[in-house]
Amino acid sequence: MFSLSDPIPPDPLSETVLRKNIVAKALKYYKYLTEDSSRSCLHISQHFGASLALVSQPIGLVNRLPKNFIDEMKDYKDHKILKRYSGRVLLKIVRSNRERELRRGFGGVSST
């Protein structure tokens, strides 16, 4: 029961969400993959203790995002930027770029 004489309890502090740098994680996975040509995403998932989906998506990002973007993002620690460019957002960017290429007639093959 509440009383008017008792002070109102303070609101609980919200926990701050620590954002992970998906580009840095993807580069770590990609480096491990390229160290030995016989490794696959399955080897990476077993080595790092992550699911196959959590490994294959970041590696796909490394293969599809522009190199200059990856070079800029790999060392970011600012949580606002990391929130803006989360893994889900980067996957949407990659998909939209691929759809544009398909509409232009590239057939989904990059010219790199």
Protein backbone atom coordinates (compact mmCIF):
# COMPACT_ATOMS: atom_id res chain seq x y z
CA MET A 1 0.00 0.00 0.00
CA PHE A 2 1.23 3.44 -0.84
CA SER A 3 1.40 6.30 1.58
CA LEU A 4 1.69 9.98 0.80
CA SER A 5 4.28 10.37 3.54
CA ASP A 6 6.70 7.85 1.96
CA PRO A 7 8.95 9.09 -0.82
CA ILE A 8 8.32 7.79 -4.32
CA PRO A 9 10.86 5.13 -5.24
CA PRO A 10 13.19 6.12 -8.06
CA ASP A 11 12.71 4.63 -11.52
CA PRO A 12 14.95 1.67 -12.15
CA LEU A 13 17.94 2.53 -14.32
CA SER A 14 17.71 1.12 -17.79
CA GLU A 15 20.58 -1.08 -18.81
CA THR A 16 22.73 0.32 -21.56
CA VAL A 17 22.98 -1.98 -24.53
CA LEU A 18 26.54 -2.57 -25.62
CA ARG A 19 26.55 -2.76 -29.38
CA LYS A 20 28.87 -5.19 -31.09
CA ASN A 21 30.84 -4.11 -34.10
CA ILE A 22 29.57 -6.58 -36.68
CA VAL A 23 32.20 -5.50 -39.21
CA ALA A 24 35.05 -6.19 -36.77
CA LYS A 25 33.55 -9.58 -35.96
CA ALA A 26 33.13 -10.35 -39.66
CA LEU A 27 36.76 -9.47 -40.34
CA LYS A 28 37.86 -11.75 -37.49
CA TYR A 29 35.86 -14.62 -38.99
CA TYR A 30 37.12 -13.85 -42.50
CA LYS A 31 40.75 -13.76 -41.34
CA TYR A 32 40.34 -17.16 -39.68
CA LEU A 33 38.70 -18.51 -42.85
CA THR A 34 41.47 -17.30 -45.17
CA GLU A 35 44.34 -18.57 -42.99
CA ASP A 36 43.66 -22.12 -44.18
CA SER A 37 42.03 -22.85 -47.53
CA SER A 38 40.41 -26.04 -46.22
CA ARG A 39 38.32 -24.16 -43.60
CA SER A 40 34.64 -23.48 -44.06
CA CYS A 41 31.95 -21.61 -42.15
CA LEU A 42 31.34 -24.78 -40.18
CA HIS A 43 34.96 -24.72 -38.93
CA ILE A 44 34.59 -21.06 -37.95
CA SER A 45 31.36 -21.72 -36.05
CA GLN A 46 32.98 -24.56 -34.13
CA HIS A 47 36.13 -22.54 -33.37
CA PHE A 48 34.32 -19.41 -32.14
CA GLY A 49 31.35 -21.22 -30.56
CA ALA A 50 28.75 -19.46 -32.69
CA SER A 51 25.94 -20.80 -34.81
CA LEU A 52 26.46 -21.30 -38.51
CA ALA A 53 24.03 -18.46 -39.33
CA LEU A 54 25.86 -16.05 -37.02
CA VAL A 55 29.06 -16.84 -38.91
CA SER A 56 27.89 -16.96 -42.52
CA GLN A 57 26.01 -13.65 -42.46
CA PRO A 58 28.99 -11.51 -41.36
CA ILE A 59 31.26 -13.24 -43.87
CA GLY A 60 28.74 -12.44 -46.58
CA LEU A 61 28.86 -8.82 -45.50
CA VAL A 62 32.65 -8.71 -45.89
CA ASN A 63 32.31 -10.07 -49.42
CA ARG A 64 29.58 -7.63 -50.46
CA LEU A 65 30.22 -4.31 -48.67
CA PRO A 66 32.61 -1.75 -50.19
CA LYS A 67 36.18 -2.04 -48.91
CA ASN A 68 36.38 1.63 -47.89
CA PHE A 69 33.25 1.22 -45.73
CA ILE A 70 34.71 -1.87 -44.06
CA ASP A 71 38.01 -0.05 -43.41
CA GLU A 72 36.16 2.81 -41.72
CA MET A 73 33.79 0.67 -39.67
CA LYS A 74 36.22 -1.93 -38.34
CA ASP A 75 37.59 0.28 -35.53
CA TYR A 76 34.44 2.18 -34.49
CA LYS A 77 33.55 2.14 -30.82
CA ASP A 78 30.79 4.79 -30.91
CA HIS A 79 27.58 3.04 -29.91
CA LYS A 80 25.37 5.44 -31.88
CA ILE A 81 27.14 4.55 -35.12
CA LEU A 82 27.22 0.85 -34.26
CA LYS A 83 23.47 0.98 -33.59
CA ARG A 84 22.88 2.72 -36.91
CA TYR A 85 24.91 0.11 -38.80
CA SER A 86 23.84 -3.06 -37.02
CA GLY A 87 24.03 -6.41 -38.73
CA ARG A 88 20.38 -6.29 -39.72
CA VAL A 89 20.76 -2.85 -41.32
CA LEU A 90 23.89 -3.89 -43.20
CA LEU A 91 22.11 -6.97 -44.56
CA LYS A 92 19.30 -4.73 -45.83
CA ILE A 93 21.85 -2.46 -47.51
CA VAL A 94 23.54 -5.41 -49.19
CA ARG A 95 20.19 -6.80 -50.38
CA SER A 96 19.04 -3.44 -51.76
CA ASN A 97 22.34 -2.99 -53.63
CA ARG A 98 21.98 -6.47 -55.10
CA GLU A 99 18.40 -5.75 -56.19
CA ARG A 100 19.58 -2.54 -57.91
CA GLU A 101 22.27 -4.48 -59.75
CA LEU A 102 19.73 -7.05 -60.87
CA ARG A 103 17.39 -4.30 -62.12
CA ARG A 104 20.27 -2.70 -64.06
CA GLY A 105 20.99 -5.99 -65.78
CA PHE A 106 24.25 -7.02 -64.13
CA GLY A 107 22.73 -10.38 -63.30
CA GLY A 108 23.97 -10.11 -59.71
CA VAL A 109 27.61 -10.50 -60.73
CA SER A 110 29.80 -7.80 -59.27
CA SER A 111 32.42 -6.16 -61.44
CA THR A 112 35.24 -6.40 -58.89
